Amino acid sequence: MDDQTRIEIEAAAFRRLRQHLMDDRPDVQNIDLMNLAGFCRNCLGRWYQEAAADHGIAMTKEEGREAFYGMPYDDWKAQHQTEADETKKAAFDTAFAENVGKD
């Protein structure tokens, strides 16, 4: 497979992941994703921001999130996010430290 085809397939897979998380399963909470998989929609927005920076494109954290969410993050939270219980919050602290807190 040539590099351009690989890039296009990877991009298509990313778009399908985004569609799944945003359209097909908006009920799945970010905290549950982080606790189970070590990443969430916010991570994907951050990775988008970091990839833009790697290409010399300045983007804030909020701009990266909006690019992934397709709307301002606060709007997403208002529409889809529910309050997590203390057990989930404690698990999140651990998952965040293990996955995001790494250098």
N, C-alpha and C. Protein backbone atom coordinates (compact mmCIF):
# COMPACT_ATOMS: atom_id res chain seq x y z
N MET A 1 0.85 -1.17 0.00
CA MET A 1 0.00 0.00 0.00
C MET A 1 0.90 1.24 0.00
N ASP A 2 0.60 2.19 -0.86
CA ASP A 2 1.41 3.40 -0.89
C ASP A 2 1.01 4.34 0.25
N ASP A 3 1.88 5.29 0.56
CA ASP A 3 1.67 6.19 1.70
C ASP A 3 0.39 7.00 1.59
N GLN A 4 0.08 7.52 0.41
CA GLN A 4 -1.12 8.34 0.25
C GLN A 4 -2.38 7.53 0.51
N THR A 5 -2.43 6.31 0.02
CA THR A 5 -3.58 5.44 0.26
C THR A 5 -3.70 5.13 1.75
N ARG A 6 -2.58 4.84 2.40
CA ARG A 6 -2.60 4.57 3.84
C ARG A 6 -3.13 5.76 4.61
N ILE A 7 -2.67 6.95 4.26
CA ILE A 7 -3.13 8.17 4.92
C ILE A 7 -4.64 8.36 4.73
N GLU A 8 -5.11 8.12 3.53
CA GLU A 8 -6.55 8.27 3.26
C GLU A 8 -7.37 7.24 4.03
N ILE A 9 -6.88 6.02 4.13
CA ILE A 9 -7.59 4.99 4.89
C ILE A 9 -7.58 5.33 6.38
N GLU A 10 -6.44 5.77 6.89
CA GLU A 10 -6.37 6.18 8.29
C GLU A 10 -7.31 7.33 8.58
N ALA A 11 -7.37 8.30 7.68
CA ALA A 11 -8.28 9.44 7.85
C ALA A 11 -9.74 8.99 7.84
N ALA A 12 -10.07 8.06 6.96
CA ALA A 12 -11.44 7.54 6.90
C ALA A 12 -11.79 6.80 8.19
N ALA A 13 -10.85 6.02 8.71
CA ALA A 13 -11.09 5.31 9.96
C ALA A 13 -11.29 6.29 11.11
N PHE A 14 -10.50 7.37 11.15
CA PHE A 14 -10.66 8.40 12.17
C PHE A 14 -12.04 9.05 12.06
N ARG A 15 -12.45 9.39 10.84
CA ARG A 15 -13.77 10.00 10.65
C ARG A 15 -14.88 9.07 11.11
N ARG A 16 -14.71 7.77 10.87
CA ARG A 16 -15.73 6.81 11.30
C ARG A 16 -15.75 6.68 12.82
N LEU A 17 -14.57 6.72 13.46
CA LEU A 17 -14.51 6.72 14.92
C LEU A 17 -15.22 7.94 15.47
N ARG A 18 -14.96 9.10 14.89
CA ARG A 18 -15.61 10.33 15.32
C ARG A 18 -17.12 10.21 15.17
N GLN A 19 -17.58 9.71 14.03
CA GLN A 19 -19.02 9.54 13.81
C GLN A 19 -19.61 8.61 14.86
N HIS A 20 -18.92 7.53 15.14
CA HIS A 20 -19.42 6.57 16.13
C HIS A 20 -19.56 7.23 17.50
N LEU A 21 -18.54 7.96 17.92
CA LEU A 21 -18.57 8.59 19.24
C LEU A 21 -19.54 9.76 19.32
N MET A 22 -19.67 10.51 18.24
CA MET A 22 -20.47 11.72 18.29
C MET A 22 -21.92 11.50 17.88
N ASP A 23 -22.16 10.66 16.88
CA ASP A 23 -23.51 10.48 16.35
C ASP A 23 -24.17 9.18 16.81
N ASP A 24 -23.41 8.09 16.74
CA ASP A 24 -23.99 6.79 17.06
C ASP A 24 -24.09 6.54 18.56
N ARG A 25 -23.10 7.00 19.32
CA ARG A 25 -23.05 6.72 20.76
C ARG A 25 -22.76 7.94 21.62
N PRO A 26 -23.52 9.02 21.45
CA PRO A 26 -23.29 10.19 22.31
C PRO A 26 -23.64 9.90 23.77
N ASP A 27 -24.35 8.79 24.02
CA ASP A 27 -24.72 8.41 25.38
C ASP A 27 -23.53 7.90 26.18
N VAL A 28 -22.49 7.45 25.51
CA VAL A 28 -21.31 6.97 26.22
C VAL A 28 -20.56 8.19 26.77
N GLN A 29 -20.41 8.21 28.06
CA GLN A 29 -19.81 9.36 28.72
C GLN A 29 -18.29 9.36 28.57
N ASN A 30 -17.71 10.55 28.48
CA ASN A 30 -16.26 10.68 28.39
C ASN A 30 -15.56 10.00 29.57
N ILE A 31 -16.11 10.14 30.75
CA ILE A 31 -15.48 9.56 31.93
C ILE A 31 -15.43 8.03 31.81
N ASP A 32 -16.47 7.44 31.22
CA ASP A 32 -16.46 5.99 31.03
C ASP A 32 -15.42 5.57 29.99
N LEU A 33 -15.31 6.35 28.91
CA LEU A 33 -14.27 6.07 27.92
C LEU A 33 -12.88 6.14 28.55
N MET A 34 -12.64 7.19 29.32
CA MET A 34 -11.33 7.35 29.95
C MET A 34 -11.05 6.22 30.93
N ASN A 35 -12.05 5.88 31.73
CA ASN A 35 -11.84 4.84 32.74
C ASN A 35 -11.61 3.48 32.11
N LEU A 36 -12.25 3.19 31.00
CA LEU A 36 -12.11 1.88 30.37
C LEU A 36 -10.99 1.81 29.34
N ALA A 37 -10.80 2.89 28.57
CA ALA A 37 -9.87 2.83 27.43
C ALA A 37 -8.65 3.72 27.59
N GLY A 38 -8.68 4.63 28.55
CA GLY A 38 -7.54 5.51 28.74
C GLY A 38 -7.53 6.71 27.81
N PHE A 39 -8.63 6.95 27.10
CA PHE A 39 -8.78 8.15 26.27
C PHE A 39 -10.26 8.47 26.14
N CYS A 40 -10.55 9.70 25.76
CA CYS A 40 -11.94 10.11 25.57
C CYS A 40 -12.00 11.11 24.42
N ARG A 41 -13.17 11.68 24.22
CA ARG A 41 -13.34 12.65 23.15
C ARG A 41 -12.41 13.85 23.34
N ASN A 42 -12.21 14.27 24.59
CA ASN A 42 -11.31 15.40 24.85
C ASN A 42 -9.88 15.07 24.43
N CYS A 43 -9.47 13.83 24.65
CA CYS A 43 -8.13 13.40 24.21
C CYS A 43 -8.04 13.50 22.70
N LEU A 44 -9.06 13.05 22.00
CA LEU A 44 -9.06 13.12 20.54
C LEU A 44 -8.98 14.57 20.08
N GLY A 45 -9.68 15.48 20.76
CA GLY A 45 -9.57 16.89 20.44
C GLY A 45 -8.16 17.42 20.69
N ARG A 46 -7.54 16.96 21.78
CA ARG A 46 -6.16 17.38 22.08
C ARG A 46 -5.20 16.83 21.04
N TRP A 47 -5.38 15.57 20.63
CA TRP A 47 -4.52 14.99 19.61
C TRP A 47 -4.68 15.72 18.28
N TYR A 48 -5.89 16.17 17.99
CA TYR A 48 -6.14 16.96 16.79
C TYR A 48 -5.35 18.27 16.87
N GLN A 49 -5.43 18.92 18.03
CA GLN A 49 -4.69 20.17 18.26
C GLN A 49 -3.18 19.94 18.11
N GLU A 50 -2.68 18.87 18.69
CA GLU A 50 -1.25 18.57 18.61
C GLU A 50 -0.82 18.28 17.17
N ALA A 51 -1.65 17.57 16.41
CA ALA A 51 -1.34 17.28 15.01
C ALA A 51 -1.31 18.57 14.20
N ALA A 52 -2.24 19.49 14.50
CA ALA A 52 -2.24 20.78 13.82
C ALA A 52 -0.94 21.53 14.13
N ALA A 53 -0.54 21.52 15.39
CA ALA A 53 0.70 22.20 15.78
C ALA A 53 1.91 21.59 15.06
N ASP A 54 1.90 20.28 14.90
CA ASP A 54 2.99 19.61 14.17
C ASP A 54 3.08 20.08 12.73
N HIS A 55 1.97 20.61 12.22
CA HIS A 55 1.93 21.13 10.85
C HIS A 55 2.00 22.66 10.82
N GLY A 56 2.40 23.26 11.95
CA GLY A 56 2.57 24.71 12.01
C GLY A 56 1.28 25.49 12.11
N ILE A 57 0.19 24.83 12.52
CA ILE A 57 -1.10 25.50 12.64
C ILE A 57 -1.39 25.70 14.13
N ALA A 58 -1.47 26.96 14.54
CA ALA A 58 -1.75 27.27 15.93
C ALA A 58 -3.23 27.02 16.21
N MET A 59 -3.50 26.32 17.31
CA MET A 59 -4.87 26.00 17.67
C MET A 59 -4.94 25.89 19.18
N THR A 60 -5.94 26.51 19.78
CA THR A 60 -6.11 26.41 21.22
C THR A 60 -6.75 25.06 21.58
N LYS A 61 -6.72 24.75 22.86
CA LYS A 61 -7.36 23.53 23.32
C LYS A 61 -8.84 23.54 22.95
N GLU A 62 -9.48 24.67 23.15
CA GLU A 62 -10.91 24.77 22.83
C GLU A 62 -11.17 24.63 21.33
N GLU A 63 -10.30 25.17 20.51
CA GLU A 63 -10.44 25.03 19.05
C GLU A 63 -10.27 23.56 18.63
N GLY A 64 -9.33 22.87 19.25
CA GLY A 64 -9.14 21.45 18.97
C GLY A 64 -10.36 20.63 19.36
N ARG A 65 -10.91 20.95 20.53
CA ARG A 65 -12.12 20.25 20.95
C ARG A 65 -13.29 20.55 20.01
N GLU A 66 -13.45 21.80 19.64
CA GLU A 66 -14.55 22.15 18.74
C GLU A 66 -14.40 21.46 17.38
N ALA A 67 -13.17 21.33 16.91
CA ALA A 67 -12.94 20.64 15.64
C ALA A 67 -13.38 19.18 15.75
N PHE A 68 -13.15 18.55 16.90
CA PHE A 68 -13.57 17.16 17.06
C PHE A 68 -15.06 17.05 17.36
N TYR A 69 -15.54 17.85 18.30
CA TYR A 69 -16.95 17.77 18.71
C TYR A 69 -17.91 18.31 17.65
N GLY A 70 -17.42 19.19 16.79
CA GLY A 70 -18.31 19.80 15.81
C GLY A 70 -19.16 20.91 16.41
N MET A 71 -18.83 21.31 17.61
CA MET A 71 -19.54 22.36 18.32
C MET A 71 -18.68 22.75 19.52
N PRO A 72 -18.97 23.89 20.13
CA PRO A 72 -18.23 24.22 21.36
C PRO A 72 -18.42 23.12 22.42
N TYR A 73 -17.36 22.84 23.14
CA TYR A 73 -17.39 21.77 24.14
C TYR A 73 -18.49 22.00 25.18
N ASP A 74 -18.68 23.24 25.60
CA ASP A 74 -19.73 23.53 26.59
C ASP A 74 -21.11 23.15 26.06
N ASP A 75 -21.34 23.32 24.77
CA ASP A 75 -22.62 22.92 24.18
C ASP A 75 -22.77 21.40 24.24
N TRP A 76 -21.70 20.67 23.90
CA TRP A 76 -21.74 19.21 23.98
C TRP A 76 -22.06 18.77 25.41
N LYS A 77 -21.36 19.35 26.38
CA LYS A 77 -21.59 18.97 27.77
C LYS A 77 -23.04 19.20 28.16
N ALA A 78 -23.58 20.34 27.78
CA ALA A 78 -24.97 20.65 28.14
C ALA A 78 -25.96 19.67 27.52
N GLN A 79 -25.67 19.21 26.32
CA GLN A 79 -26.57 18.31 25.62
C GLN A 79 -26.42 16.84 26.00
N HIS A 80 -25.20 16.41 26.38
CA HIS A 80 -24.94 14.98 26.50
C HIS A 80 -24.31 14.51 27.81
N GLN A 81 -23.66 15.37 28.54
CA GLN A 81 -22.89 14.91 29.69
C GLN A 81 -23.76 14.85 30.93
N THR A 82 -23.60 13.75 31.68
CA THR A 82 -24.31 13.59 32.94
C THR A 82 -23.30 13.64 34.08
N GLU A 83 -23.78 13.85 35.28
CA GLU A 83 -22.90 13.92 36.45
C GLU A 83 -22.40 12.52 36.80
N ALA A 84 -21.12 12.42 37.04
CA ALA A 84 -20.52 11.13 37.40
C ALA A 84 -20.55 10.95 38.91
N ASP A 85 -20.68 9.70 39.34
CA ASP A 85 -20.65 9.43 40.78
C ASP A 85 -19.21 9.43 41.28
N GLU A 86 -19.05 9.36 42.58
CA GLU A 86 -17.73 9.47 43.20
C GLU A 86 -16.81 8.31 42.80
N THR A 87 -17.35 7.13 42.58
CA THR A 87 -16.54 5.98 42.18
C THR A 87 -15.94 6.23 40.80
N LYS A 88 -16.76 6.73 39.87
CA LYS A 88 -16.25 7.02 38.52
C LYS A 88 -15.23 8.15 38.56
N LYS A 89 -15.46 9.15 39.40
CA LYS A 89 -14.51 10.26 39.51
C LYS A 89 -13.16 9.79 40.03
N ALA A 90 -13.18 8.89 41.02
CA ALA A 90 -11.93 8.36 41.56
C ALA A 90 -11.20 7.52 40.51
N ALA A 91 -11.95 6.70 39.78
CA ALA A 91 -11.33 5.91 38.71
C ALA A 91 -10.76 6.81 37.62
N PHE A 92 -11.46 7.91 37.34
CA PHE A 92 -10.97 8.86 36.34
C PHE A 92 -9.65 9.47 36.77
N ASP A 93 -9.53 9.85 38.03
CA ASP A 93 -8.27 10.44 38.51
C ASP A 93 -7.10 9.49 38.24
N THR A 94 -7.32 8.21 38.49
CA THR A 94 -6.28 7.21 38.23
C THR A 94 -6.00 7.08 36.74
N ALA A 95 -7.07 6.94 35.94
CA ALA A 95 -6.91 6.77 34.49
C ALA A 95 -6.25 7.99 33.88
N PHE A 96 -6.62 9.17 34.32
CA PHE A 96 -6.03 10.40 33.79
C PHE A 96 -4.53 10.44 34.10
N ALA A 97 -4.18 10.15 35.35
CA ALA A 97 -2.76 10.16 35.72
C ALA A 97 -1.96 9.14 34.93
N GLU A 98 -2.55 7.97 34.70
CA GLU A 98 -1.83 6.91 33.98
C GLU A 98 -1.72 7.17 32.49
N ASN A 99 -2.70 7.85 31.90
CA ASN A 99 -2.75 7.99 30.46
C ASN A 99 -2.45 9.39 29.94
N VAL A 100 -2.94 10.39 30.60
CA VAL A 100 -2.75 11.76 30.14
C VAL A 100 -1.58 12.41 30.86
N GLY A 101 -1.39 12.05 32.10
CA GLY A 101 -0.33 12.63 32.90
C GLY A 101 1.05 12.19 32.51
N LYS A 102 1.13 11.20 31.59
CA LYS A 102 2.45 10.72 31.14
C LYS A 102 3.12 11.78 30.29
N ASP A 103 4.43 11.82 30.36
CA ASP A 103 5.21 12.72 29.50
C ASP A 103 5.31 12.17 28.10
